[in-house]
Amino acid sequence: MTAAWRQARALLVPAAKGAIFGAALYFAADTASDVYTFFAVRRAALARARASPDVAALVGEPFSPGPWYDGTLGFSHRDRVAHATFQIAGAARTTDVVARAARRGEGPRANALYNAFGPGEWELVSCSAMFPGEGGLAVPRSIMEPQPPAAGGGGGGGSAAGECLPCQQQQQQQQPKPAAAGGAGWWRWWGRAKDGGGGGGGGGK
């Protein structure tokens, strides 16, 4: 019994150490990938903020990003879209910047592999800063550069969010439902209009 236990222990201890080492390595790689993504998005958003005269007038010049630990990072669309927030501090005040960036190009599904062995590029699709609003509440205002109009003249359809392919796919999936409901409402309204017209103002009965 003792010999068997020693033999099992000799096999289990290295396996447990290997599992712990693998988990620690994965956690470290994932954390490093998140840090890389946060700074990539913050760098692109900070360039937008520096090019915005409204931001300069709000916080005062010169301004710089706040501490990294005051920022946040999240993901959506199967980790293909990163959402980052951070602070910028100027001579007058401090405000928050909210940015969203999408992965550019194809690559491994895991962001750790995408950043390490893939393109590792994140394209800014929306960026806004918090400005004072009514009642002392902060309201977001876009600081993205104006996008050129589409070739077909789509008006307001060429928003920056439309550049995000995962966001665009989600919007396309959600579009048929409101359209169907709207069509049904139109036919119900048309039927009521016909009944009302034939009855000479049925509401007066």
Protein backbone atom coordinates (compact mmCIF):
# COMPACT_ATOMS: atom_id res chain seq x y z
CA MET A 1 0.00 0.00 0.00
CA THR A 2 2.78 2.39 0.86
CA ALA A 3 4.70 1.59 -2.31
CA ALA A 4 1.58 2.10 -4.43
CA TRP A 5 0.88 5.43 -2.76
CA ARG A 6 4.41 6.58 -3.33
CA GLN A 7 4.18 5.61 -6.98
CA ALA A 8 0.86 7.45 -7.40
CA ARG A 9 2.23 10.47 -5.61
CA ALA A 10 5.27 10.50 -7.86
CA LEU A 11 2.89 10.79 -10.84
CA LEU A 12 0.31 13.17 -9.36
CA VAL A 13 2.66 15.79 -7.94
CA PRO A 14 4.34 16.64 -11.27
CA ALA A 15 0.96 16.62 -13.01
CA ALA A 16 -0.49 19.02 -10.42
CA LYS A 17 2.52 21.30 -10.70
CA GLY A 18 2.21 21.29 -14.48
CA ALA A 19 -1.50 22.15 -14.29
CA ILE A 20 -0.84 25.01 -11.87
CA PHE A 21 2.00 26.31 -14.03
CA GLY A 22 -0.18 26.11 -17.16
CA ALA A 23 -3.04 27.98 -15.47
CA ALA A 24 -0.67 30.67 -14.20
CA LEU A 25 0.88 31.01 -17.66
CA TYR A 26 -2.55 31.35 -19.28
CA PHE A 27 -3.64 33.95 -16.72
CA ALA A 28 -0.44 35.93 -17.24
CA ALA A 29 -0.80 35.82 -21.03
CA ASP A 30 -4.46 36.86 -20.86
CA THR A 31 -3.65 39.72 -18.49
CA ALA A 32 -0.80 40.91 -20.69
CA SER A 33 -3.11 40.81 -23.71
CA ASP A 34 -5.73 42.91 -21.91
CA VAL A 35 -3.08 45.45 -20.91
CA TYR A 36 -1.83 45.63 -24.50
CA THR A 37 -5.39 46.09 -25.82
CA PHE A 38 -6.20 48.79 -23.27
CA PHE A 39 -3.12 50.84 -24.12
CA ALA A 40 -3.70 50.39 -27.86
CA VAL A 41 -7.27 51.68 -27.59
CA ARG A 42 -6.26 54.46 -25.20
CA ARG A 43 -3.48 55.60 -27.52
CA ALA A 44 -5.89 55.87 -30.48
CA ALA A 45 -8.56 57.62 -28.38
CA LEU A 46 -6.02 60.02 -26.90
CA ALA A 47 -5.01 61.06 -30.41
CA ARG A 48 -8.66 61.93 -31.10
CA ALA A 49 -8.87 63.89 -27.86
CA ARG A 50 -5.73 65.89 -28.68
CA ALA A 51 -7.18 66.77 -32.08
CA SER A 52 -10.47 68.00 -30.56
CA PRO A 53 -10.60 71.72 -29.70
CA ASP A 54 -13.66 71.06 -27.52
CA VAL A 55 -11.69 68.73 -25.26
CA ALA A 56 -8.84 71.23 -24.99
CA ALA A 57 -11.30 73.98 -24.08
CA LEU A 58 -12.95 71.76 -21.48
CA VAL A 59 -9.99 70.39 -19.54
CA GLY A 60 -7.37 72.98 -20.44
CA GLU A 61 -4.01 72.53 -22.07
CA PRO A 62 -1.76 70.74 -21.73
CA PHE A 63 -3.58 67.56 -20.73
CA SER A 64 -2.48 63.98 -20.31
CA PRO A 65 -4.09 60.60 -19.62
CA GLY A 66 -4.81 59.69 -16.03
CA PRO A 67 -3.43 56.64 -14.23
CA TRP A 68 -4.04 53.36 -16.01
CA TYR A 69 -5.60 51.82 -12.90
CA ASP A 70 -8.47 54.34 -13.13
CA GLY A 71 -9.43 52.95 -16.54
CA THR A 72 -11.66 50.04 -17.46
CA LEU A 73 -11.66 47.48 -20.25
CA GLY A 74 -14.40 45.17 -21.47
CA PHE A 75 -15.20 43.11 -24.53
CA SER A 76 -18.26 42.27 -26.61
CA HIS A 77 -19.11 40.56 -29.91
CA ARG A 78 -17.17 37.43 -28.92
CA ASP A 79 -14.22 39.48 -27.72
CA ARG A 80 -13.78 41.13 -31.12
CA VAL A 81 -14.79 44.61 -29.88
CA ALA A 82 -13.00 46.28 -26.98
CA HIS A 83 -14.62 48.95 -24.78
CA ALA A 84 -12.21 51.15 -22.83
CA THR A 85 -12.66 54.13 -20.54
CA PHE A 86 -9.94 56.34 -19.11
CA GLN A 87 -9.46 59.82 -17.70
CA ILE A 88 -7.66 62.81 -19.13
CA ALA A 89 -6.49 65.53 -16.78
CA GLY A 90 -5.78 69.09 -17.84
CA ALA A 91 -5.03 72.42 -16.24
CA ALA A 92 -8.73 73.13 -15.61
CA ARG A 93 -10.40 69.80 -14.88
CA THR A 94 -10.53 66.06 -15.46
CA THR A 95 -12.98 64.22 -17.70
CA ASP A 96 -13.62 60.68 -18.90
CA VAL A 97 -13.12 59.35 -22.41
CA VAL A 98 -15.08 56.33 -23.65
CA ALA A 99 -13.72 54.49 -26.67
CA ARG A 100 -14.64 51.41 -28.66
CA ALA A 101 -12.31 49.59 -31.03
CA ALA A 102 -12.65 46.52 -33.23
CA ARG A 103 -10.07 43.99 -34.29
CA ARG A 104 -8.61 44.79 -37.70
CA GLY A 105 -8.09 41.88 -40.03
CA GLU A 106 -8.30 38.17 -39.43
CA GLY A 107 -6.37 36.27 -36.83
CA PRO A 108 -6.67 33.76 -33.98
CA ARG A 109 -9.94 33.89 -32.10
CA ALA A 110 -8.30 34.36 -28.70
CA ASN A 111 -7.16 37.93 -28.16
CA ALA A 112 -3.96 36.76 -26.46
CA LEU A 113 -2.98 34.89 -29.63
CA TYR A 114 -4.27 37.69 -31.87
CA ASN A 115 -2.13 40.28 -30.10
CA ALA A 116 0.94 38.05 -29.82
CA PHE A 117 1.00 36.17 -33.14
CA GLY A 118 -1.66 37.92 -35.25
CA PRO A 119 -1.98 41.49 -36.51
CA GLY A 120 -2.60 42.83 -33.00
CA GLU A 121 -4.24 45.94 -34.45
CA TRP A 122 -7.34 47.59 -33.00
CA GLU A 123 -9.26 50.14 -35.06
CA LEU A 124 -11.13 52.89 -33.26
CA VAL A 125 -14.80 52.90 -34.26
CA SER A 126 -16.27 55.31 -31.71
CA CYS A 127 -14.87 57.76 -29.19
CA SER A 128 -16.59 60.26 -26.93
CA ALA A 129 -15.69 62.51 -24.02
CA MET A 130 -17.89 63.52 -21.12
CA PHE A 131 -19.00 67.16 -21.19
CA PRO A 132 -21.11 69.10 -18.67
CA GLY A 133 -24.81 68.96 -19.43
CA GLU A 134 -28.06 70.24 -18.00
CA GLY A 135 -28.49 69.89 -14.27
CA GLY A 136 -24.80 69.34 -13.72
CA LEU A 137 -24.91 65.90 -15.32
CA ALA A 138 -22.10 64.75 -17.60
CA VAL A 139 -23.17 63.77 -21.11
CA PRO A 140 -21.06 62.02 -23.76
CA ARG A 141 -20.13 63.91 -26.92
CA SER A 142 -18.44 62.27 -29.87
CA ILE A 143 -14.93 63.45 -30.68
CA MET A 144 -14.53 61.26 -33.75
CA GLU A 145 -13.59 63.03 -36.96
CA PRO A 146 -16.50 63.51 -39.40
CA GLN A 147 -16.83 60.54 -41.71
CA PRO A 148 -17.11 61.17 -45.49
CA PRO A 149 -20.61 60.56 -46.91
CA ALA A 150 -21.29 57.23 -48.56
CA ALA A 151 -21.23 56.96 -52.35
CA GLY A 152 -24.99 56.52 -52.47
CA GLY A 153 -25.67 59.54 -50.28
CA GLY A 154 -27.01 57.73 -47.25
CA GLY A 155 -27.16 60.83 -45.06
CA GLY A 156 -26.71 59.93 -41.40
CA GLY A 157 -26.11 56.25 -42.09
CA GLY A 158 -22.34 56.66 -42.30
CA SER A 159 -21.72 56.82 -38.57
CA ALA A 160 -18.50 55.70 -37.05
CA ALA A 161 -20.19 52.73 -35.43
CA GLY A 162 -21.00 51.42 -38.90
CA GLU A 163 -17.28 50.85 -39.48
CA CYS A 164 -17.38 48.07 -36.87
CA LEU A 165 -18.14 44.84 -38.72
CA PRO A 166 -19.35 42.86 -35.67
CA CYS A 167 -21.59 45.78 -34.65
CA GLN A 168 -22.92 46.03 -38.19
CA GLN A 169 -23.71 42.31 -38.27
CA GLN A 170 -25.57 42.58 -34.98
CA GLN A 171 -27.59 45.52 -36.27
CA GLN A 172 -28.48 43.60 -39.43
CA GLN A 173 -29.71 40.68 -37.33
CA GLN A 174 -31.88 42.97 -35.25
CA GLN A 175 -33.33 45.00 -38.11
CA PRO A 176 -35.95 42.51 -39.46
CA LYS A 177 -37.84 42.33 -36.15
CA PRO A 178 -38.74 46.05 -35.90
CA ALA A 179 -39.52 46.10 -39.62
CA ALA A 180 -42.02 43.26 -39.29
CA ALA A 181 -43.69 44.86 -36.29
CA GLY A 182 -43.89 48.18 -38.09
CA GLY A 183 -45.48 46.57 -41.14
CA ALA A 184 -48.14 44.89 -39.03
CA GLY A 185 -48.90 48.17 -37.29
CA TRP A 186 -49.29 49.88 -40.68
CA TRP A 187 -51.83 47.33 -41.89
CA ARG A 188 -53.77 47.55 -38.63
CA TRP A 189 -53.84 51.34 -38.97
CA TRP A 190 -54.94 51.08 -42.63
CA GLY A 191 -57.75 48.69 -41.69
CA ARG A 192 -59.00 51.03 -38.97
CA ALA A 193 -58.84 53.97 -41.37
CA LYS A 194 -60.93 52.09 -43.92
CA ASP A 195 -63.51 51.10 -41.31
CA GLY A 196 -63.65 54.63 -39.94
CA GLY A 197 -64.00 56.12 -43.43
CA GLY A 198 -66.83 53.78 -44.39
CA GLY A 199 -68.76 54.38 -41.17
CA GLY A 200 -68.69 58.16 -41.41
CA GLY A 201 -66.65 58.67 -38.19
CA GLY A 202 -67.36 55.65 -36.06
CA GLY A 203 -66.01 57.43 -32.98
CA GLY A 204 -69.16 59.56 -32.82
CA LYS A 205 -71.52 56.66 -32.33
